[in-house]
Amino acid sequence: SHTRRGQPCWFRVPKVGMIAVNDGILLRNHIPRILKKHFRQKNY
């Protein structure tokens, strides 16, 4: 793709390129970290 939310796609930004693959993985890894931080003590 070329654009996302009116901006160039992240992988099309100069000096990013395929580093965006790792950035995507990092973003995905924040999900369990955020859940752990806020909900670790909850019964659900």
All heavy atoms as atom14 arrays in JSON, in Angstrom:
{
  "sequence": "SHTRRGQPCWFRVPKVGMIAVNDGILLRNHIPRILKKHFRQKNY",
  "atom14_mask": [
    [1, 1, 1, 1, 1, 1, 0, 0, 0, 0, 0, 0, 0, 0],
    [1, 1, 1, 1, 1, 1, 1, 1, 1, 1, 0, 0, 0, 0],
    [1, 1, 1, 1, 1, 1, 1, 0, 0, 0, 0, 0, 0, 0],
    [1, 1, 1, 1, 1, 1, 1, 1, 1, 1, 1, 0, 0, 0],
    [1, 1, 1, 1, 1, 1, 1, 1, 1, 1, 1, 0, 0, 0],
    [1, 1, 1, 1, 0, 0, 0, 0, 0, 0, 0, 0, 0, 0],
    [1, 1, 1, 1, 1, 1, 1, 1, 1, 0, 0, 0, 0, 0],
    [1, 1, 1, 1, 1, 1, 1, 0, 0, 0, 0, 0, 0, 0],
    [1, 1, 1, 1, 1, 1, 0, 0, 0, 0, 0, 0, 0, 0],
    [1, 1, 1, 1, 1, 1, 1, 1, 1, 1, 1, 1, 1, 1],
    [1, 1, 1, 1, 1, 1, 1, 1, 1, 1, 1, 0, 0, 0],
    [1, 1, 1, 1, 1, 1, 1, 1, 1, 1, 1, 0, 0, 0],
    [1, 1, 1, 1, 1, 1, 1, 0, 0, 0, 0, 0, 0, 0],
    [1, 1, 1, 1, 1, 1, 1, 0, 0, 0, 0, 0, 0, 0],
    [1, 1, 1, 1, 1, 1, 1, 1, 1, 0, 0, 0, 0, 0],
    [1, 1, 1, 1, 1, 1, 1, 0, 0, 0, 0, 0, 0, 0],
    [1, 1, 1, 1, 0, 0, 0, 0, 0, 0, 0, 0, 0, 0],
    [1, 1, 1, 1, 1, 1, 1, 1, 0, 0, 0, 0, 0, 0],
    [1, 1, 1, 1, 1, 1, 1, 1, 0, 0, 0, 0, 0, 0],
    [1, 1, 1, 1, 1, 0, 0, 0, 0, 0, 0, 0, 0, 0],
    [1, 1, 1, 1, 1, 1, 1, 0, 0, 0, 0, 0, 0, 0],
    [1, 1, 1, 1, 1, 1, 1, 1, 0, 0, 0, 0, 0, 0],
    [1, 1, 1, 1, 1, 1, 1, 1, 0, 0, 0, 0, 0, 0],
    [1, 1, 1, 1, 0, 0, 0, 0, 0, 0, 0, 0, 0, 0],
    [1, 1, 1, 1, 1, 1, 1, 1, 0, 0, 0, 0, 0, 0],
    [1, 1, 1, 1, 1, 1, 1, 1, 0, 0, 0, 0, 0, 0],
    [1, 1, 1, 1, 1, 1, 1, 1, 0, 0, 0, 0, 0, 0],
    [1, 1, 1, 1, 1, 1, 1, 1, 1, 1, 1, 0, 0, 0],
    [1, 1, 1, 1, 1, 1, 1, 1, 0, 0, 0, 0, 0, 0],
    [1, 1, 1, 1, 1, 1, 1, 1, 1, 1, 0, 0, 0, 0],
    [1, 1, 1, 1, 1, 1, 1, 1, 0, 0, 0, 0, 0, 0],
    [1, 1, 1, 1, 1, 1, 1, 0, 0, 0, 0, 0, 0, 0],
    [1, 1, 1, 1, 1, 1, 1, 1, 1, 1, 1, 0, 0, 0],
    [1, 1, 1, 1, 1, 1, 1, 1, 0, 0, 0, 0, 0, 0],
    [1, 1, 1, 1, 1, 1, 1, 1, 0, 0, 0, 0, 0, 0],
    [1, 1, 1, 1, 1, 1, 1, 1, 1, 0, 0, 0, 0, 0],
    [1, 1, 1, 1, 1, 1, 1, 1, 1, 0, 0, 0, 0, 0],
    [1, 1, 1, 1, 1, 1, 1, 1, 1, 1, 0, 0, 0, 0],
    [1, 1, 1, 1, 1, 1, 1, 1, 1, 1, 1, 0, 0, 0],
    [1, 1, 1, 1, 1, 1, 1, 1, 1, 1, 1, 0, 0, 0],
    [1, 1, 1, 1, 1, 1, 1, 1, 1, 0, 0, 0, 0, 0],
    [1, 1, 1, 1, 1, 1, 1, 1, 1, 0, 0, 0, 0, 0],
    [1, 1, 1, 1, 1, 1, 1, 1, 0, 0, 0, 0, 0, 0],
    [1, 1, 1, 1, 1, 1, 1, 1, 1, 1, 1, 1, 0, 0]
  ],
  "atom14_positions": [
    [[0.83, -1.21, 0.0], [0.0, 0.0, 0.0], [0.86, 1.26, 0.0], [2.06, 1.2, 0.31], [-0.92, 0.0, 1.22], [-1.8, -1.1, 1.17], [0.0, 0.0, 0.0], [0.0, 0.0, 0.0], [0.0, 0.0, 0.0], [0.0, 0.0, 0.0], [0.0, 0.0, 0.0], [0.0, 0.0, 0.0], [0.0, 0.0, 0.0], [0.0, 0.0, 0.0]],
    [[0.22, 2.37, -0.32], [0.96, 3.63, -0.41], [0.68, 4.58, 0.75], [1.61, 5.21, 1.26], [0.64, 4.33, -1.74], [1.17, 3.58, -2.92], [2.45, 3.73, -3.39], [0.6, 2.62, -3.7], [2.65, 2.91, -4.41], [1.55, 2.23, -4.62], [0.0, 0.0, 0.0], [0.0, 0.0, 0.0], [0.0, 0.0, 0.0], [0.0, 0.0, 0.0]],
    [[-0.58, 4.72, 1.12], [-0.9, 5.65, 2.2], [-1.8, 4.99, 3.24], [-2.52, 4.04, 2.95], [-1.62, 6.92, 1.67], [-2.76, 6.52, 0.9], [-0.7, 7.76, 0.82], [0.0, 0.0, 0.0], [0.0, 0.0, 0.0], [0.0, 0.0, 0.0], [0.0, 0.0, 0.0], [0.0, 0.0, 0.0], [0.0, 0.0, 0.0], [0.0, 0.0, 0.0]],
    [[-1.74, 5.54, 4.45], [-2.58, 5.06, 5.56], [-2.9, 6.28, 6.43], [-2.01, 6.99, 6.84], [-1.81, 4.0, 6.35], [-2.4, 3.57, 7.67], [-3.58, 2.63, 7.53], [-3.22, 1.33, 6.98], [-4.06, 0.28, 6.95], [-5.28, 0.4, 7.44], [-3.68, -0.87, 6.42], [0.0, 0.0, 0.0], [0.0, 0.0, 0.0], [0.0, 0.0, 0.0]],
    [[-4.19, 6.52, 6.65], [-4.63, 7.68, 7.42], [-4.02, 9.0, 6.91], [-3.59, 9.86, 7.67], [-4.31, 7.53, 8.9], [-4.68, 6.19, 9.49], [-5.59, 6.3, 10.7], [-5.91, 5.0, 11.28], [-6.82, 4.16, 10.82], [-7.52, 4.46, 9.75], [-7.06, 3.01, 11.41], [0.0, 0.0, 0.0], [0.0, 0.0, 0.0], [0.0, 0.0, 0.0]],
    [[-3.93, 9.1, 5.58], [-3.45, 10.34, 4.97], [-1.95, 10.53, 4.98], [-1.43, 11.54, 4.5], [0.0, 0.0, 0.0], [0.0, 0.0, 0.0], [0.0, 0.0, 0.0], [0.0, 0.0, 0.0], [0.0, 0.0, 0.0], [0.0, 0.0, 0.0], [0.0, 0.0, 0.0], [0.0, 0.0, 0.0], [0.0, 0.0, 0.0], [0.0, 0.0, 0.0]],
    [[-1.21, 9.54, 5.52], [0.26, 9.62, 5.59], [0.86, 8.47, 4.76], [0.19, 7.47, 4.53], [0.73, 9.45, 7.04], [0.18, 10.47, 8.02], [0.77, 11.85, 7.84], [1.93, 11.97, 7.46], [-0.03, 12.88, 8.07], [0.0, 0.0, 0.0], [0.0, 0.0, 0.0], [0.0, 0.0, 0.0], [0.0, 0.0, 0.0], [0.0, 0.0, 0.0]],
    [[2.13, 8.6, 4.35], [2.75, 7.45, 3.67], [2.77, 6.25, 4.63], [2.93, 6.43, 5.84], [4.19, 7.94, 3.4], [4.14, 9.42, 3.52], [3.05, 9.74, 4.49], [0.0, 0.0, 0.0], [0.0, 0.0, 0.0], [0.0, 0.0, 0.0], [0.0, 0.0, 0.0], [0.0, 0.0, 0.0], [0.0, 0.0, 0.0], [0.0, 0.0, 0.0]],
    [[2.6, 5.05, 4.09], [2.68, 3.85, 4.93], [4.05, 3.84, 5.63], [5.04, 4.3, 5.06], [2.51, 2.6, 4.09], [0.84, 2.45, 3.42], [0.0, 0.0, 0.0], [0.0, 0.0, 0.0], [0.0, 0.0, 0.0], [0.0, 0.0, 0.0], [0.0, 0.0, 0.0], [0.0, 0.0, 0.0], [0.0, 0.0, 0.0], [0.0, 0.0, 0.0]],
    [[4.1, 3.29, 6.83], [5.32, 3.35, 7.64], [6.53, 2.77, 6.92], [7.62, 3.33, 6.96], [5.07, 2.63, 8.97], [6.23, 2.66, 9.92], [6.88, 1.6, 10.47], [6.87, 3.82, 10.47], [7.89, 2.02, 11.31], [7.91, 3.4, 11.32], [6.68, 5.2, 10.29], [8.75, 4.27, 12.01], [7.52, 6.09, 10.98], [8.53, 5.61, 11.82]],
    [[6.32, 1.65, 6.19], [7.47, 1.03, 5.5], [7.97, 1.86, 4.33], [9.07, 1.63, 3.82], [7.13, -0.41, 5.06], [6.3, -0.5, 3.8], [6.89, -0.75, 2.57], [4.92, -0.35, 3.85], [6.13, -0.86, 1.41], [4.15, -0.45, 2.7], [4.76, -0.71, 1.48], [0.0, 0.0, 0.0], [0.0, 0.0, 0.0], [0.0, 0.0, 0.0]],
    [[7.17, 2.85, 3.89], [7.59, 3.72, 2.78], [8.3, 4.99, 3.27], [8.75, 5.8, 2.46], [6.38, 4.09, 1.92], [5.82, 2.89, 1.16], [4.86, 3.31, 0.07], [4.29, 2.14, -0.6], [4.86, 1.54, -1.65], [6.01, 1.99, -2.14], [4.28, 0.48, -2.22], [0.0, 0.0, 0.0], [0.0, 0.0, 0.0], [0.0, 0.0, 0.0]],
    [[8.38, 5.15, 4.58], [9.08, 6.31, 5.13], [10.59, 6.1, 4.95], [11.1, 5.01, 5.22], [8.73, 6.49, 6.64], [9.6, 7.57, 7.29], [7.25, 6.83, 6.8], [0.0, 0.0, 0.0], [0.0, 0.0, 0.0], [0.0, 0.0, 0.0], [0.0, 0.0, 0.0], [0.0, 0.0, 0.0], [0.0, 0.0, 0.0], [0.0, 0.0, 0.0]],
    [[11.32, 7.14, 4.47], [12.77, 6.99, 4.28], [13.46, 6.49, 5.55], [13.09, 6.89, 6.66], [13.23, 8.42, 3.94], [12.01, 9.07, 3.36], [10.83, 8.47, 4.08], [0.0, 0.0, 0.0], [0.0, 0.0, 0.0], [0.0, 0.0, 0.0], [0.0, 0.0, 0.0], [0.0, 0.0, 0.0], [0.0, 0.0, 0.0], [0.0, 0.0, 0.0]],
    [[14.41, 5.61, 5.4], [15.2, 5.01, 6.48], [14.41, 3.99, 7.32], [14.94, 3.46, 8.29], [15.81, 6.08, 7.39], [16.82, 6.98, 6.68], [17.46, 7.94, 7.64], [18.4, 8.88, 6.89], [18.96, 9.92, 7.78], [0.0, 0.0, 0.0], [0.0, 0.0, 0.0], [0.0, 0.0, 0.0], [0.0, 0.0, 0.0], [0.0, 0.0, 0.0]],
    [[13.15, 3.73, 6.96], [12.39, 2.7, 7.69], [12.4, 1.41, 6.88], [13.01, 0.43, 7.27], [10.93, 3.14, 8.0], [10.17, 1.99, 8.67], [10.91, 4.36, 8.9], [0.0, 0.0, 0.0], [0.0, 0.0, 0.0], [0.0, 0.0, 0.0], [0.0, 0.0, 0.0], [0.0, 0.0, 0.0], [0.0, 0.0, 0.0], [0.0, 0.0, 0.0]],
    [[11.77, 1.44, 5.7], [11.76, 0.25, 4.84], [11.33, -1.0, 5.58], [10.33, -1.0, 6.3], [0.0, 0.0, 0.0], [0.0, 0.0, 0.0], [0.0, 0.0, 0.0], [0.0, 0.0, 0.0], [0.0, 0.0, 0.0], [0.0, 0.0, 0.0], [0.0, 0.0, 0.0], [0.0, 0.0, 0.0], [0.0, 0.0, 0.0], [0.0, 0.0, 0.0]],
    [[12.1, -2.09, 5.43], [11.71, -3.37, 6.04], [11.95, -3.45, 7.55], [11.57, -4.42, 8.19], [12.42, -4.53, 5.33], [11.83, -4.83, 3.96], [10.05, -5.22, 4.03], [9.36, -3.82, 3.16], [0.0, 0.0, 0.0], [0.0, 0.0, 0.0], [0.0, 0.0, 0.0], [0.0, 0.0, 0.0], [0.0, 0.0, 0.0], [0.0, 0.0, 0.0]],
    [[12.54, -2.39, 8.13], [12.62, -2.32, 9.6], [11.19, -2.3, 10.14], [10.93, -2.68, 11.28], [13.42, -1.06, 10.05], [14.89, -1.18, 9.61], [13.35, -0.86, 11.56], [15.7, 0.09, 9.8], [0.0, 0.0, 0.0], [0.0, 0.0, 0.0], [0.0, 0.0, 0.0], [0.0, 0.0, 0.0], [0.0, 0.0, 0.0], [0.0, 0.0, 0.0]],
    [[10.25, -1.86, 9.29], [8.83, -1.82, 9.67], [8.3, -3.19, 10.08], [7.36, -3.28, 10.88], [8.0, -1.26, 8.51], [0.0, 0.0, 0.0], [0.0, 0.0, 0.0], [0.0, 0.0, 0.0], [0.0, 0.0, 0.0], [0.0, 0.0, 0.0], [0.0, 0.0, 0.0], [0.0, 0.0, 0.0], [0.0, 0.0, 0.0], [0.0, 0.0, 0.0]],
    [[8.88, -4.26, 9.55], [8.46, -5.62, 9.95], [8.71, -5.8, 11.44], [7.83, -6.23, 12.2], [9.2, -6.71, 9.14], [8.86, -8.09, 9.66], [8.86, -6.6, 7.65], [0.0, 0.0, 0.0], [0.0, 0.0, 0.0], [0.0, 0.0, 0.0], [0.0, 0.0, 0.0], [0.0, 0.0, 0.0], [0.0, 0.0, 0.0], [0.0, 0.0, 0.0]],
    [[9.91, -5.42, 11.87], [10.24, -5.54, 13.29], [9.41, -4.58, 14.14], [9.0, -4.9, 15.25], [11.73, -5.31, 13.53], [12.19, -5.85, 14.87], [12.04, -7.03, 15.15], [12.7, -4.99, 15.72], [0.0, 0.0, 0.0], [0.0, 0.0, 0.0], [0.0, 0.0, 0.0], [0.0, 0.0, 0.0], [0.0, 0.0, 0.0], [0.0, 0.0, 0.0]],
    [[9.16, -3.39, 13.59], [8.31, -2.42, 14.3], [6.91, -3.0, 14.53], [6.33, -2.82, 15.6], [8.22, -1.12, 13.5], [9.53, -0.35, 13.48], [10.36, -0.59, 14.38], [9.71, 0.48, 12.58], [0.0, 0.0, 0.0], [0.0, 0.0, 0.0], [0.0, 0.0, 0.0], [0.0, 0.0, 0.0], [0.0, 0.0, 0.0], [0.0, 0.0, 0.0]],
    [[6.4, -3.69, 13.52], [5.09, -4.33, 13.65], [5.08, -5.37, 14.76], [4.13, -5.47, 15.55], [0.0, 0.0, 0.0], [0.0, 0.0, 0.0], [0.0, 0.0, 0.0], [0.0, 0.0, 0.0], [0.0, 0.0, 0.0], [0.0, 0.0, 0.0], [0.0, 0.0, 0.0], [0.0, 0.0, 0.0], [0.0, 0.0, 0.0], [0.0, 0.0, 0.0]],
    [[6.17, -6.14, 14.83], [6.3, -7.17, 15.87], [6.39, -6.51, 17.25], [5.78, -6.95, 18.22], [7.53, -8.08, 15.6], [7.3, -8.88, 14.31], [7.79, -9.02, 16.78], [8.55, -9.58, 13.78], [0.0, 0.0, 0.0], [0.0, 0.0, 0.0], [0.0, 0.0, 0.0], [0.0, 0.0, 0.0], [0.0, 0.0, 0.0], [0.0, 0.0, 0.0]],
    [[7.14, -5.42, 17.34], [7.26, -4.68, 18.62], [5.89, -4.16, 19.07], [5.54, -4.27, 20.25], [8.23, -3.5, 18.47], [9.72, -3.83, 18.49], [10.54, -2.59, 18.14], [10.14, -4.37, 19.85], [0.0, 0.0, 0.0], [0.0, 0.0, 0.0], [0.0, 0.0, 0.0], [0.0, 0.0, 0.0], [0.0, 0.0, 0.0], [0.0, 0.0, 0.0]],
    [[5.15, -3.59, 18.14], [3.81, -3.08, 18.47], [2.91, -4.2, 18.97], [2.22, -4.05, 19.98], [3.18, -2.42, 17.23], [3.75, -1.06, 16.81], [3.24, -0.68, 15.43], [3.37, 0.01, 17.83], [0.0, 0.0, 0.0], [0.0, 0.0, 0.0], [0.0, 0.0, 0.0], [0.0, 0.0, 0.0], [0.0, 0.0, 0.0], [0.0, 0.0, 0.0]],
    [[2.96, -5.35, 18.28], [2.14, -6.49, 18.68], [2.52, -6.97, 20.09], [1.67, -7.36, 20.88], [2.31, -7.62, 17.65], [1.44, -8.85, 17.92], [2.23, -9.93, 18.63], [1.37, -11.02, 19.05], [0.81, -11.09, 20.24], [0.98, -10.13, 21.13], [0.08, -12.12, 20.58], [0.0, 0.0, 0.0], [0.0, 0.0, 0.0], [0.0, 0.0, 0.0]],
    [[3.85, -6.9, 20.41], [4.32, -7.35, 21.72], [3.93, -6.42, 22.86], [4.03, -6.8, 24.02], [5.84, -7.56, 21.69], [6.2, -8.94, 21.19], [6.16, -9.91, 21.94], [6.51, -9.06, 19.92], [0.0, 0.0, 0.0], [0.0, 0.0, 0.0], [0.0, 0.0, 0.0], [0.0, 0.0, 0.0], [0.0, 0.0, 0.0], [0.0, 0.0, 0.0]],
    [[3.49, -5.23, 22.52], [3.03, -4.32, 23.58], [1.65, -4.74, 24.12], [1.29, -4.32, 25.22], [2.99, -2.88, 23.06], [4.3, -2.18, 23.19], [5.34, -2.41, 22.32], [4.78, -1.31, 24.11], [6.38, -1.69, 22.68], [6.07, -1.02, 23.77], [0.0, 0.0, 0.0], [0.0, 0.0, 0.0], [0.0, 0.0, 0.0], [0.0, 0.0, 0.0]],
    [[0.91, -5.53, 23.34], [-0.43, -5.93, 23.8], [-0.37, -6.66, 25.15], [-0.98, -6.2, 26.12], [-1.18, -6.75, 22.72], [-1.42, -5.9, 21.47], [-2.52, -7.27, 23.27], [-1.89, -6.68, 20.26], [0.0, 0.0, 0.0], [0.0, 0.0, 0.0], [0.0, 0.0, 0.0], [0.0, 0.0, 0.0], [0.0, 0.0, 0.0], [0.0, 0.0, 0.0]],
    [[0.37, -7.8, 25.24], [0.39, -8.48, 26.54], [1.03, -7.64, 27.64], [0.67, -7.77, 28.81], [1.21, -9.75, 26.27], [1.96, -9.49, 25.03], [1.13, -8.55, 24.22], [0.0, 0.0, 0.0], [0.0, 0.0, 0.0], [0.0, 0.0, 0.0], [0.0, 0.0, 0.0], [0.0, 0.0, 0.0], [0.0, 0.0, 0.0], [0.0, 0.0, 0.0]],
    [[1.97, -6.76, 27.28], [2.61, -5.9, 28.28], [1.61, -4.91, 28.88], [1.59, -4.67, 30.09], [3.8, -5.16, 27.67], [4.95, -6.09, 27.26], [5.97, -5.39, 26.4], [6.7, -4.38, 27.14], [7.79, -4.63, 27.86], [8.28, -5.85, 27.9], [8.41, -3.66, 28.5], [0.0, 0.0, 0.0], [0.0, 0.0, 0.0], [0.0, 0.0, 0.0]],
    [[0.77, -4.32, 28.01], [-0.25, -3.38, 28.47], [-1.3, -4.12, 29.33], [-1.69, -3.64, 30.4], [-0.93, -2.67, 27.27], [0.07, -1.72, 26.6], [-2.17, -1.9, 27.71], [-0.37, -1.23, 25.22], [0.0, 0.0, 0.0], [0.0, 0.0, 0.0], [0.0, 0.0, 0.0], [0.0, 0.0, 0.0], [0.0, 0.0, 0.0], [0.0, 0.0, 0.0]],
    [[-1.72, -5.3, 28.85], [-2.7, -6.08, 29.6], [-2.14, -6.46, 30.98], [-2.85, -6.4, 31.99], [-3.11, -7.33, 28.82], [-3.89, -7.08, 27.52], [-4.15, -8.41, 26.8], [-5.21, -6.38, 27.78], [0.0, 0.0, 0.0], [0.0, 0.0, 0.0], [0.0, 0.0, 0.0], [0.0, 0.0, 0.0], [0.0, 0.0, 0.0], [0.0, 0.0, 0.0]],
    [[-0.88, -6.85, 31.01], [-0.25, -7.24, 32.28], [-0.19, -6.05, 33.24], [-0.5, -6.17, 34.43], [1.15, -7.78, 32.01], [1.87, -8.32, 33.24], [3.25, -8.85, 32.85], [4.02, -9.31, 34.08], [5.37, -9.8, 33.69], [0.0, 0.0, 0.0], [0.0, 0.0, 0.0], [0.0, 0.0, 0.0], [0.0, 0.0, 0.0], [0.0, 0.0, 0.0]],
    [[0.21, -4.9, 32.72], [0.36, -3.71, 33.55], [-0.95, -3.3, 34.22], [-0.98, -2.91, 35.39], [0.89, -2.55, 32.69], [1.12, -1.27, 33.49], [1.66, -0.16, 32.6], [1.81, 1.13, 33.42], [2.31, 2.25, 32.6], [0.0, 0.0, 0.0], [0.0, 0.0, 0.0], [0.0, 0.0, 0.0], [0.0, 0.0, 0.0], [0.0, 0.0, 0.0]],
    [[-2.05, -3.38, 33.47], [-3.32, -2.86, 33.98], [-4.26, -3.9, 34.58], [-5.16, -3.54, 35.35], [-4.05, -2.1, 32.86], [-3.31, -0.87, 32.42], [-3.31, 0.31, 33.14], [-2.54, -0.65, 31.33], [-2.57, 1.2, 32.51], [-2.09, 0.65, 31.41], [0.0, 0.0, 0.0], [0.0, 0.0, 0.0], [0.0, 0.0, 0.0], [0.0, 0.0, 0.0]],
    [[-4.1, -5.18, 34.2], [-5.11, -6.16, 34.59], [-4.58, -7.4, 35.31], [-5.32, -8.32, 35.58], [-5.91, -6.61, 33.35], [-6.53, -5.47, 32.6], [-6.0, -5.04, 31.39], [-7.64, -4.81, 33.1], [-6.56, -3.97, 30.69], [-8.22, -3.74, 32.42], [-7.68, -3.33, 31.22], [0.0, 0.0, 0.0], [0.0, 0.0, 0.0], [0.0, 0.0, 0.0]],
    [[-3.27, -7.39, 35.61], [-2.63, -8.57, 36.23], [-3.39, -9.09, 37.45], [-3.5, -10.29, 37.67], [-1.19, -8.19, 36.62], [-0.35, -9.33, 37.17], [0.39, -9.99, 36.02], [1.5, -10.81, 36.48], [1.38, -12.07, 36.89], [0.19, -12.63, 36.94], [2.43, -12.77, 37.24], [0.0, 0.0, 0.0], [0.0, 0.0, 0.0], [0.0, 0.0, 0.0]],
    [[-3.91, -8.19, 38.26], [-4.55, -8.58, 39.53], [-6.04, -8.91, 39.37], [-6.69, -9.31, 40.34], [-4.41, -7.44, 40.57], [-2.98, -6.93, 40.77], [-1.99, -8.04, 41.07], [-2.32, -8.98, 41.81], [-0.78, -7.95, 40.5], [0.0, 0.0, 0.0], [0.0, 0.0, 0.0], [0.0, 0.0, 0.0], [0.0, 0.0, 0.0], [0.0, 0.0, 0.0]],
    [[-6.57, -8.74, 38.17], [-8.02, -8.95, 37.98], [-8.34, -10.43, 37.78], [-7.54, -11.18, 37.21], [-8.51, -8.16, 36.75], [-8.21, -6.67, 36.81], [-9.01, -5.96, 37.87], [-8.76, -4.46, 37.85], [-9.45, -3.77, 38.94], [0.0, 0.0, 0.0], [0.0, 0.0, 0.0], [0.0, 0.0, 0.0], [0.0, 0.0, 0.0], [0.0, 0.0, 0.0]],
    [[-9.52, -10.83, 38.21], [-9.91, -12.24, 38.09], [-10.17, -12.66, 36.64], [-10.19, -13.83, 36.32], [-11.15, -12.54, 38.96], [-12.37, -11.74, 38.53], [-12.24, -10.72, 37.86], [-13.55, -12.18, 38.9], [0.0, 0.0, 0.0], [0.0, 0.0, 0.0], [0.0, 0.0, 0.0], [0.0, 0.0, 0.0], [0.0, 0.0, 0.0], [0.0, 0.0, 0.0]],
    [[-10.33, -11.68, 35.75], [-10.59, -11.99, 34.33], [-9.33, -11.87, 33.47], [-9.4, -11.96, 32.25], [-11.7, -11.07, 33.77], [-11.47, -9.59, 34.01], [-10.53, -8.88, 33.25], [-12.18, -8.9, 34.99], [-10.31, -7.53, 33.47], [-11.96, -7.54, 35.22], [-11.02, -6.86, 34.45], [-10.8, -5.53, 34.66], [0.0, 0.0, 0.0], [0.0, 0.0, 0.0]]
  ]
}
